[in-house]
Amino acid sequence: MGKEKSYISYFNSPIGIIEILADENAILHILFLDDVSESILDNADKHENVITRLAKQQLHDYFFKDKQTFSLPLHFFGTTFQHKVWQQLQQIPFGKTISYQQLAIHLGDEKCIRAAASANGKNPFAIVVPCHRVIGKNGTLTGYAGGLWRKQWLLEHEHSFAKQPLLF
């Protein structure tokens, strides 16, 4: 079994640069970057493939054209429990939020709240697997690997398209 070739692309979103890493078959991660050199961005298009281009197009449509769901091949690396959490995150509707406690309940065990929050924080697919839709039980914004300011922006963005009142 040979080493898979990887492809990388960058998307300049309204809330910062997003790195998309893929192999021949699926996306491996979608992450926010805070420090990006101009040389990386200048050469980004030389290293992408059809999957990274598809991800860039769907992210563009999310930010600028009211795209509410993603249809991308994702390759999840993690424990069985993390996979279960990430699958549950994908069930949270666009424009809606749930608490970490509600997430744990949906997973079948209210006592797994800390483990669920930890798995939520290890989500490798920013925006696409919407971990930003999970908030504190009292409605506060808590924890987001991309920064709380991005989480707030994403929730406000989704609520503006979904025509839902924004509550936190």
N, C-alpha and C. Protein backbone atom coordinates (compact mmCIF):
# COMPACT_ATOMS: atom_id res chain seq x y z
N MET A 1 0.84 -1.17 0.00
CA MET A 1 0.00 0.00 0.00
C MET A 1 0.89 1.23 0.00
N GLY A 2 0.78 2.06 -1.03
CA GLY A 2 1.60 3.26 -1.15
C GLY A 2 1.03 4.42 -0.38
N LYS A 3 1.86 5.42 -0.24
CA LYS A 3 1.43 6.62 0.47
C LYS A 3 0.49 7.42 -0.42
N GLU A 4 -0.67 7.82 0.14
CA GLU A 4 -1.64 8.64 -0.58
C GLU A 4 -1.07 10.03 -0.85
N LYS A 5 -1.34 10.55 -2.02
CA LYS A 5 -0.95 11.91 -2.32
C LYS A 5 -1.97 12.84 -1.66
N SER A 6 -1.50 13.95 -1.13
CA SER A 6 -2.43 14.91 -0.52
C SER A 6 -2.46 16.20 -1.33
N TYR A 7 -3.58 16.88 -1.21
CA TYR A 7 -3.84 18.12 -1.94
C TYR A 7 -4.28 19.17 -0.93
N ILE A 8 -3.87 20.38 -1.16
CA ILE A 8 -4.20 21.44 -0.22
C ILE A 8 -4.68 22.67 -0.97
N SER A 9 -5.62 23.33 -0.36
CA SER A 9 -6.17 24.54 -0.94
C SER A 9 -6.53 25.49 0.18
N TYR A 10 -6.65 26.75 -0.14
CA TYR A 10 -6.99 27.76 0.84
C TYR A 10 -8.17 28.57 0.34
N PHE A 11 -9.08 28.88 1.27
CA PHE A 11 -10.24 29.69 0.93
C PHE A 11 -10.20 30.94 1.81
N ASN A 12 -10.27 32.10 1.19
CA ASN A 12 -10.25 33.36 1.91
C ASN A 12 -11.68 33.74 2.26
N SER A 13 -12.11 33.37 3.45
CA SER A 13 -13.48 33.61 3.89
C SER A 13 -13.60 34.98 4.55
N PRO A 14 -14.81 35.43 4.81
CA PRO A 14 -14.99 36.70 5.53
C PRO A 14 -14.44 36.67 6.95
N ILE A 15 -14.14 35.49 7.48
CA ILE A 15 -13.61 35.41 8.85
C ILE A 15 -12.23 34.75 8.89
N GLY A 16 -11.52 34.84 7.78
CA GLY A 16 -10.14 34.37 7.77
C GLY A 16 -9.90 33.24 6.77
N ILE A 17 -8.64 32.90 6.67
CA ILE A 17 -8.21 31.86 5.75
C ILE A 17 -8.59 30.49 6.29
N ILE A 18 -9.15 29.66 5.39
CA ILE A 18 -9.51 28.30 5.73
C ILE A 18 -8.65 27.36 4.89
N GLU A 19 -8.01 26.40 5.55
CA GLU A 19 -7.19 25.40 4.87
C GLU A 19 -8.01 24.15 4.64
N ILE A 20 -7.95 23.65 3.42
CA ILE A 20 -8.65 22.42 3.05
C ILE A 20 -7.60 21.41 2.63
N LEU A 21 -7.55 20.29 3.32
CA LEU A 21 -6.60 19.22 3.00
C LEU A 21 -7.39 18.00 2.57
N ALA A 22 -6.98 17.39 1.46
CA ALA A 22 -7.67 16.21 0.94
C ALA A 22 -6.67 15.22 0.39
N ASP A 23 -7.14 13.99 0.21
CA ASP A 23 -6.38 13.01 -0.56
C ASP A 23 -7.17 12.78 -1.86
N GLU A 24 -6.92 11.69 -2.54
CA GLU A 24 -7.60 11.42 -3.81
C GLU A 24 -9.10 11.17 -3.64
N ASN A 25 -9.51 10.79 -2.41
CA ASN A 25 -10.89 10.34 -2.21
C ASN A 25 -11.75 11.22 -1.32
N ALA A 26 -11.15 11.98 -0.41
CA ALA A 26 -11.95 12.69 0.58
C ALA A 26 -11.19 13.85 1.20
N ILE A 27 -11.96 14.72 1.86
CA ILE A 27 -11.39 15.81 2.65
C ILE A 27 -10.83 15.21 3.94
N LEU A 28 -9.63 15.65 4.32
CA LEU A 28 -9.00 15.18 5.55
C LEU A 28 -9.18 16.18 6.69
N HIS A 29 -9.16 17.48 6.35
CA HIS A 29 -9.51 18.50 7.34
C HIS A 29 -9.87 19.81 6.66
N ILE A 30 -10.64 20.60 7.40
CA ILE A 30 -10.98 21.97 7.02
C ILE A 30 -10.80 22.77 8.30
N LEU A 31 -9.78 23.64 8.30
CA LEU A 31 -9.40 24.35 9.52
C LEU A 31 -9.17 25.83 9.25
N PHE A 32 -9.44 26.65 10.26
CA PHE A 32 -9.10 28.06 10.18
C PHE A 32 -7.61 28.22 10.46
N LEU A 33 -6.97 29.12 9.73
CA LEU A 33 -5.56 29.43 9.96
C LEU A 33 -5.47 30.88 10.42
N ASP A 34 -4.62 31.12 11.40
CA ASP A 34 -4.43 32.49 11.86
C ASP A 34 -3.16 33.11 11.30
N ASP A 35 -2.17 32.30 11.00
CA ASP A 35 -0.93 32.80 10.41
C ASP A 35 -0.69 32.12 9.08
N VAL A 36 -0.75 32.87 8.01
CA VAL A 36 -0.55 32.32 6.68
C VAL A 36 0.39 33.24 5.92
N SER A 37 1.44 32.67 5.36
CA SER A 37 2.36 33.50 4.58
C SER A 37 1.80 33.71 3.18
N GLU A 38 2.15 34.83 2.60
CA GLU A 38 1.70 35.14 1.24
C GLU A 38 2.18 34.10 0.24
N SER A 39 3.38 33.53 0.46
CA SER A 39 3.90 32.54 -0.49
C SER A 39 3.03 31.29 -0.52
N ILE A 40 2.49 30.91 0.62
CA ILE A 40 1.60 29.75 0.65
C ILE A 40 0.36 30.04 -0.19
N LEU A 41 -0.24 31.20 0.01
CA LEU A 41 -1.44 31.55 -0.74
C LEU A 41 -1.17 31.72 -2.22
N ASP A 42 0.00 32.26 -2.57
CA ASP A 42 0.35 32.45 -3.98
C ASP A 42 0.45 31.13 -4.73
N ASN A 43 0.84 30.06 -4.03
CA ASN A 43 1.01 28.75 -4.66
C ASN A 43 -0.13 27.78 -4.39
N ALA A 44 -1.19 28.24 -3.73
CA ALA A 44 -2.27 27.35 -3.29
C ALA A 44 -2.92 26.60 -4.43
N ASP A 45 -3.23 27.27 -5.52
CA ASP A 45 -3.95 26.62 -6.62
C ASP A 45 -3.13 25.52 -7.31
N LYS A 46 -1.84 25.51 -7.11
CA LYS A 46 -0.98 24.51 -7.75
C LYS A 46 -1.09 23.15 -7.07
N HIS A 47 -1.69 23.11 -5.90
CA HIS A 47 -1.70 21.88 -5.12
C HIS A 47 -3.11 21.36 -4.81
N GLU A 48 -4.10 21.84 -5.52
CA GLU A 48 -5.46 21.39 -5.22
C GLU A 48 -5.91 20.32 -6.20
N ASN A 49 -7.04 19.69 -5.87
CA ASN A 49 -7.63 18.70 -6.76
C ASN A 49 -9.13 18.95 -6.85
N VAL A 50 -9.85 18.08 -7.50
CA VAL A 50 -11.28 18.27 -7.69
C VAL A 50 -12.02 18.34 -6.36
N ILE A 51 -11.56 17.60 -5.36
CA ILE A 51 -12.24 17.59 -4.05
C ILE A 51 -12.01 18.90 -3.31
N THR A 52 -10.79 19.42 -3.33
CA THR A 52 -10.55 20.70 -2.64
C THR A 52 -11.27 21.83 -3.37
N ARG A 53 -11.34 21.76 -4.69
CA ARG A 53 -12.09 22.79 -5.43
C ARG A 53 -13.57 22.73 -5.11
N LEU A 54 -14.13 21.52 -4.97
CA LEU A 54 -15.53 21.37 -4.59
C LEU A 54 -15.77 21.95 -3.20
N ALA A 55 -14.87 21.69 -2.27
CA ALA A 55 -15.00 22.23 -0.92
C ALA A 55 -14.95 23.76 -0.95
N LYS A 56 -14.04 24.32 -1.73
CA LYS A 56 -13.96 25.78 -1.83
C LYS A 56 -15.27 26.35 -2.39
N GLN A 57 -15.83 25.70 -3.39
CA GLN A 57 -17.08 26.19 -3.98
C GLN A 57 -18.22 26.12 -2.97
N GLN A 58 -18.31 25.03 -2.23
CA GLN A 58 -19.38 24.90 -1.25
C GLN A 58 -19.20 25.88 -0.09
N LEU A 59 -17.96 26.12 0.33
CA LEU A 59 -17.72 27.13 1.36
C LEU A 59 -18.09 28.53 0.85
N HIS A 60 -17.73 28.82 -0.38
CA HIS A 60 -18.11 30.10 -0.99
C HIS A 60 -19.63 30.26 -0.95
N ASP A 61 -20.34 29.22 -1.35
CA ASP A 61 -21.80 29.27 -1.38
C ASP A 61 -22.38 29.40 0.03
N TYR A 62 -21.75 28.80 1.02
CA TYR A 62 -22.18 28.95 2.41
C TYR A 62 -22.06 30.41 2.85
N PHE A 63 -20.93 31.02 2.56
CA PHE A 63 -20.69 32.38 3.01
C PHE A 63 -21.47 33.43 2.21
N PHE A 64 -21.69 33.18 0.92
CA PHE A 64 -22.22 34.24 0.06
C PHE A 64 -23.55 33.94 -0.61
N LYS A 65 -24.04 32.69 -0.56
CA LYS A 65 -25.25 32.35 -1.31
C LYS A 65 -26.24 31.50 -0.53
N ASP A 66 -26.22 31.55 0.78
CA ASP A 66 -27.21 30.85 1.60
C ASP A 66 -27.16 29.32 1.47
N LYS A 67 -25.98 28.74 1.25
CA LYS A 67 -25.87 27.27 1.25
C LYS A 67 -26.01 26.79 2.69
N GLN A 68 -26.93 25.86 2.91
CA GLN A 68 -27.20 25.43 4.27
C GLN A 68 -26.71 24.03 4.59
N THR A 69 -26.39 23.25 3.59
CA THR A 69 -25.87 21.90 3.82
C THR A 69 -24.68 21.67 2.90
N PHE A 70 -23.84 20.74 3.30
CA PHE A 70 -22.65 20.40 2.52
C PHE A 70 -22.76 18.96 2.05
N SER A 71 -22.24 18.72 0.88
CA SER A 71 -22.16 17.34 0.36
C SER A 71 -20.73 17.11 -0.11
N LEU A 72 -19.90 16.81 0.85
CA LEU A 72 -18.47 16.59 0.59
C LEU A 72 -18.07 15.22 1.15
N PRO A 73 -17.17 14.54 0.46
CA PRO A 73 -16.63 13.30 1.03
C PRO A 73 -15.66 13.64 2.15
N LEU A 74 -15.95 13.19 3.35
CA LEU A 74 -15.11 13.48 4.52
C LEU A 74 -14.50 12.19 5.04
N HIS A 75 -13.22 12.25 5.36
CA HIS A 75 -12.54 11.09 5.97
C HIS A 75 -12.30 11.43 7.44
N PHE A 76 -13.03 10.76 8.32
CA PHE A 76 -12.95 11.01 9.75
C PHE A 76 -11.87 10.13 10.36
N PHE A 77 -10.94 10.76 11.10
CA PHE A 77 -9.95 10.04 11.90
C PHE A 77 -10.31 10.30 13.35
N GLY A 78 -10.50 9.27 14.13
CA GLY A 78 -10.82 9.46 15.53
C GLY A 78 -11.39 8.20 16.13
N THR A 79 -11.76 8.32 17.39
CA THR A 79 -12.32 7.18 18.11
C THR A 79 -13.77 6.96 17.68
N THR A 80 -14.29 5.82 18.04
CA THR A 80 -15.70 5.52 17.75
C THR A 80 -16.61 6.57 18.39
N PHE A 81 -16.30 6.97 19.61
CA PHE A 81 -17.12 7.98 20.28
C PHE A 81 -17.04 9.32 19.55
N GLN A 82 -15.85 9.73 19.14
CA GLN A 82 -15.72 10.99 18.39
C GLN A 82 -16.55 10.94 17.11
N HIS A 83 -16.49 9.83 16.41
CA HIS A 83 -17.30 9.68 15.18
C HIS A 83 -18.78 9.86 15.49
N LYS A 84 -19.22 9.27 16.60
CA LYS A 84 -20.62 9.37 17.00
C LYS A 84 -21.00 10.84 17.27
N VAL A 85 -20.12 11.56 17.95
CA VAL A 85 -20.37 12.98 18.23
C VAL A 85 -20.41 13.76 16.93
N TRP A 86 -19.44 13.55 16.05
CA TRP A 86 -19.39 14.31 14.79
C TRP A 86 -20.60 14.01 13.91
N GLN A 87 -21.08 12.78 13.95
CA GLN A 87 -22.31 12.45 13.21
C GLN A 87 -23.51 13.18 13.80
N GLN A 88 -23.55 13.26 15.12
CA GLN A 88 -24.66 13.95 15.78
C GLN A 88 -24.62 15.46 15.47
N LEU A 89 -23.44 16.03 15.41
CA LEU A 89 -23.31 17.45 15.08
C LEU A 89 -23.93 17.76 13.72
N GLN A 90 -23.80 16.83 12.80
CA GLN A 90 -24.34 17.04 11.46
C GLN A 90 -25.86 17.02 11.42
N GLN A 91 -26.49 16.64 12.54
CA GLN A 91 -27.95 16.63 12.61
C GLN A 91 -28.52 17.97 13.11
N ILE A 92 -27.66 18.87 13.56
CA ILE A 92 -28.14 20.17 14.06
C ILE A 92 -28.51 21.03 12.85
N PRO A 93 -29.75 21.46 12.76
CA PRO A 93 -30.17 22.22 11.58
C PRO A 93 -29.48 23.58 11.46
N PHE A 94 -29.30 24.01 10.25
CA PHE A 94 -28.77 25.34 9.92
C PHE A 94 -29.61 26.38 10.66
N GLY A 95 -28.93 27.33 11.30
CA GLY A 95 -29.63 28.40 11.98
C GLY A 95 -30.11 28.05 13.38
N LYS A 96 -29.84 26.84 13.84
CA LYS A 96 -30.27 26.40 15.17
C LYS A 96 -29.04 26.14 16.04
N THR A 97 -29.25 26.14 17.34
CA THR A 97 -28.18 25.78 18.27
C THR A 97 -28.72 24.77 19.27
N ILE A 98 -27.81 24.01 19.85
CA ILE A 98 -28.14 23.13 20.97
C ILE A 98 -27.07 23.32 22.04
N SER A 99 -27.36 22.91 23.24
CA SER A 99 -26.37 23.00 24.31
C SER A 99 -25.51 21.74 24.33
N TYR A 100 -24.39 21.83 25.03
CA TYR A 100 -23.55 20.64 25.21
C TYR A 100 -24.33 19.56 25.94
N GLN A 101 -25.17 19.96 26.88
CA GLN A 101 -26.00 18.99 27.59
C GLN A 101 -26.97 18.30 26.63
N GLN A 102 -27.61 19.08 25.75
CA GLN A 102 -28.51 18.48 24.77
C GLN A 102 -27.76 17.53 23.85
N LEU A 103 -26.53 17.90 23.48
CA LEU A 103 -25.71 17.02 22.65
C LEU A 103 -25.49 15.68 23.36
N ALA A 104 -25.13 15.75 24.63
CA ALA A 104 -24.90 14.52 25.40
C ALA A 104 -26.18 13.68 25.46
N ILE A 105 -27.30 14.32 25.66
CA ILE A 105 -28.58 13.60 25.71
C ILE A 105 -28.86 12.93 24.37
N HIS A 106 -28.62 13.65 23.28
CA HIS A 106 -28.82 13.06 21.94
C HIS A 106 -27.89 11.88 21.71
N LEU A 107 -26.75 11.89 22.37
CA LEU A 107 -25.81 10.78 22.26
C LEU A 107 -26.22 9.60 23.13
N GLY A 108 -27.23 9.80 23.98
CA GLY A 108 -27.76 8.71 24.78
C GLY A 108 -27.27 8.64 26.21
N ASP A 109 -26.46 9.62 26.65
CA ASP A 109 -25.95 9.58 28.01
C ASP A 109 -25.63 11.00 28.48
N GLU A 110 -26.50 11.56 29.26
CA GLU A 110 -26.32 12.94 29.74
C GLU A 110 -25.00 13.10 30.50
N LYS A 111 -24.49 12.02 31.06
CA LYS A 111 -23.25 12.09 31.83
C LYS A 111 -22.00 12.20 30.95
N CYS A 112 -22.14 12.03 29.64
CA CYS A 112 -20.97 12.10 28.75
C CYS A 112 -20.73 13.52 28.25
N ILE A 113 -21.26 14.51 28.95
CA ILE A 113 -21.19 15.89 28.48
C ILE A 113 -19.75 16.36 28.27
N ARG A 114 -18.85 16.05 29.19
CA ARG A 114 -17.44 16.49 29.04
C ARG A 114 -16.76 15.78 27.88
N ALA A 115 -17.02 14.50 27.74
CA ALA A 115 -16.43 13.75 26.62
C ALA A 115 -16.99 14.26 25.29
N ALA A 116 -18.28 14.57 25.27
CA ALA A 116 -18.90 15.11 24.05
C ALA A 116 -18.31 16.47 23.71
N ALA A 117 -18.11 17.31 24.72
CA ALA A 117 -17.51 18.63 24.49
C ALA A 117 -16.08 18.49 23.98
N SER A 118 -15.35 17.53 24.53
CA SER A 118 -13.97 17.29 24.07
C SER A 118 -13.94 16.83 22.62
N ALA A 119 -14.80 15.91 22.26
CA ALA A 119 -14.88 15.44 20.86
C ALA A 119 -15.32 16.57 19.94
N ASN A 120 -16.25 17.38 20.41
CA ASN A 120 -16.70 18.54 19.65
C ASN A 120 -15.51 19.45 19.32
N GLY A 121 -14.64 19.66 20.30
CA GLY A 121 -13.47 20.51 20.13
C GLY A 121 -12.42 19.93 19.20
N LYS A 122 -12.49 18.63 18.95
CA LYS A 122 -11.52 17.98 18.06
C LYS A 122 -12.06 17.78 16.65
N ASN A 123 -13.20 18.36 16.36
CA ASN A 123 -13.80 18.25 15.03
C ASN A 123 -12.82 18.76 13.97
N PRO A 124 -12.47 17.93 12.99
CA PRO A 124 -11.51 18.35 11.97
C PRO A 124 -12.13 19.08 10.77
N PHE A 125 -13.43 19.31 10.80
CA PHE A 125 -14.11 19.89 9.63
C PHE A 125 -14.91 21.12 10.01
N ALA A 126 -14.20 22.23 10.24
CA ALA A 126 -14.85 23.48 10.61
C ALA A 126 -15.96 23.80 9.61
N ILE A 127 -17.05 24.30 10.12
CA ILE A 127 -18.24 24.73 9.38
C ILE A 127 -19.00 23.54 8.80
N VAL A 128 -18.34 22.67 8.08
CA VAL A 128 -18.99 21.54 7.40
C VAL A 128 -19.62 20.59 8.42
N VAL A 129 -18.91 20.27 9.48
CA VAL A 129 -19.47 19.55 10.62
C VAL A 129 -19.67 20.65 11.68
N PRO A 130 -20.90 21.11 11.85
CA PRO A 130 -21.16 22.39 12.52
C PRO A 130 -21.04 22.38 14.05
N CYS A 131 -19.84 22.20 14.54
CA CYS A 131 -19.62 22.23 15.98
C CYS A 131 -19.86 23.63 16.55
N HIS A 132 -19.85 24.64 15.68
CA HIS A 132 -20.12 26.01 16.15
C HIS A 132 -21.56 26.18 16.62
N ARG A 133 -22.43 25.24 16.30
CA ARG A 133 -23.84 25.32 16.70
C ARG A 133 -24.10 24.80 18.11
N VAL A 134 -23.05 24.42 18.82
CA VAL A 134 -23.20 23.93 20.19
C VAL A 134 -22.77 25.05 21.14
N ILE A 135 -23.67 25.39 22.06
CA ILE A 135 -23.43 26.49 22.99
C ILE A 135 -23.63 26.01 24.43
N GLY A 136 -23.32 26.87 25.38
CA GLY A 136 -23.50 26.54 26.78
C GLY A 136 -24.97 26.39 27.15
N LYS A 137 -25.24 25.66 28.23
CA LYS A 137 -26.61 25.40 28.67
C LYS A 137 -27.37 26.69 28.95
N ASN A 138 -26.66 27.71 29.43
CA ASN A 138 -27.30 28.98 29.74
C ASN A 138 -27.32 29.93 28.53
N GLY A 139 -26.97 29.40 27.36
CA GLY A 139 -27.02 30.19 26.14
C GLY A 139 -25.74 30.95 25.81
N THR A 140 -24.70 30.76 26.61
CA THR A 140 -23.45 31.48 26.36
C THR A 140 -22.64 30.78 25.27
N LEU A 141 -21.82 31.57 24.61
CA LEU A 141 -20.89 31.00 23.64
C LEU A 141 -19.69 30.48 24.41
N THR A 142 -19.42 29.21 24.25
CA THR A 142 -18.27 28.61 24.91
C THR A 142 -17.52 27.75 23.92
N GLY A 143 -16.21 27.77 24.02
CA GLY A 143 -15.36 26.88 23.27
C GLY A 143 -15.57 26.85 21.77
N TYR A 144 -14.54 27.19 21.03
CA TYR A 144 -14.53 27.00 19.59
C TYR A 144 -13.08 27.08 19.15
N ALA A 145 -12.60 26.04 18.49
CA ALA A 145 -11.19 25.98 18.10
C ALA A 145 -10.80 27.15 17.19
N GLY A 146 -11.74 27.66 16.42
CA GLY A 146 -11.47 28.79 15.54
C GLY A 146 -11.56 30.14 16.23
N GLY A 147 -11.89 30.15 17.50
CA GLY A 147 -12.04 31.39 18.26
C GLY A 147 -13.51 31.74 18.44
N LEU A 148 -13.84 32.25 19.62
CA LEU A 148 -15.24 32.57 19.91
C LEU A 148 -15.80 33.65 18.98
N TRP A 149 -14.94 34.57 18.53
CA TRP A 149 -15.43 35.61 17.63
C TRP A 149 -15.91 35.01 16.31
N ARG A 150 -15.24 33.94 15.85
CA ARG A 150 -15.69 33.26 14.63
C ARG A 150 -17.00 32.51 14.88
N LYS A 151 -17.08 31.86 16.04
CA LYS A 151 -18.30 31.14 16.38
C LYS A 151 -19.49 32.10 16.37
N GLN A 152 -19.32 33.25 17.00
CA GLN A 152 -20.40 34.23 17.03
C GLN A 152 -20.75 34.69 15.62
N TRP A 153 -19.74 34.95 14.79
CA TRP A 153 -19.99 35.40 13.42
C TRP A 153 -20.76 34.33 12.65
N LEU A 154 -20.35 33.07 12.76
CA LEU A 154 -21.02 31.98 12.05
C LEU A 154 -22.48 31.84 12.48
N LEU A 155 -22.73 31.92 13.78
CA LEU A 155 -24.10 31.81 14.27
C LEU A 155 -24.96 32.98 13.79
N GLU A 156 -24.41 34.19 13.84
CA GLU A 156 -25.15 35.35 13.35
C GLU A 156 -25.41 35.24 11.85
N HIS A 157 -24.42 34.76 11.11
CA HIS A 157 -24.56 34.55 9.66
C HIS A 157 -25.70 33.57 9.37
N GLU A 158 -25.70 32.44 10.05
CA GLU A 158 -26.73 31.43 9.82
C GLU A 158 -28.11 31.93 10.25
N HIS A 159 -28.17 32.61 11.37
CA HIS A 159 -29.46 33.13 11.84
C HIS A 159 -30.01 34.18 10.88
N SER A 160 -29.14 34.97 10.28
CA SER A 160 -29.63 35.99 9.34
C SER A 160 -30.25 35.35 8.11
N PHE A 161 -29.69 34.25 7.64
CA PHE A 161 -30.27 33.54 6.49
C PHE A 161 -31.49 32.72 6.89
N ALA A 162 -31.45 32.14 8.08
CA ALA A 162 -32.53 31.27 8.52
C ALA A 162 -33.72 32.06 9.06
N LYS A 163 -33.54 33.37 9.21
CA LYS A 163 -34.61 34.24 9.71
C LYS A 163 -35.09 33.79 11.09
N GLN A 164 -34.13 33.33 11.90
CA GLN A 164 -34.44 32.88 13.26
C GLN A 164 -33.92 33.93 14.24
N PRO A 165 -34.57 34.11 15.39
CA PRO A 165 -34.01 35.01 16.40
C PRO A 165 -32.72 34.41 16.97
N LEU A 166 -31.73 35.24 17.15
CA LEU A 166 -30.45 34.78 17.67
C LEU A 166 -30.48 34.89 19.19
N LEU A 167 -30.38 33.77 19.85
CA LEU A 167 -30.42 33.75 21.31
C LEU A 167 -29.16 33.13 21.86
N PHE A 168 -28.40 33.88 22.63
CA PHE A 168 -27.38 33.31 23.50
C PHE A 168 -27.25 34.16 24.73
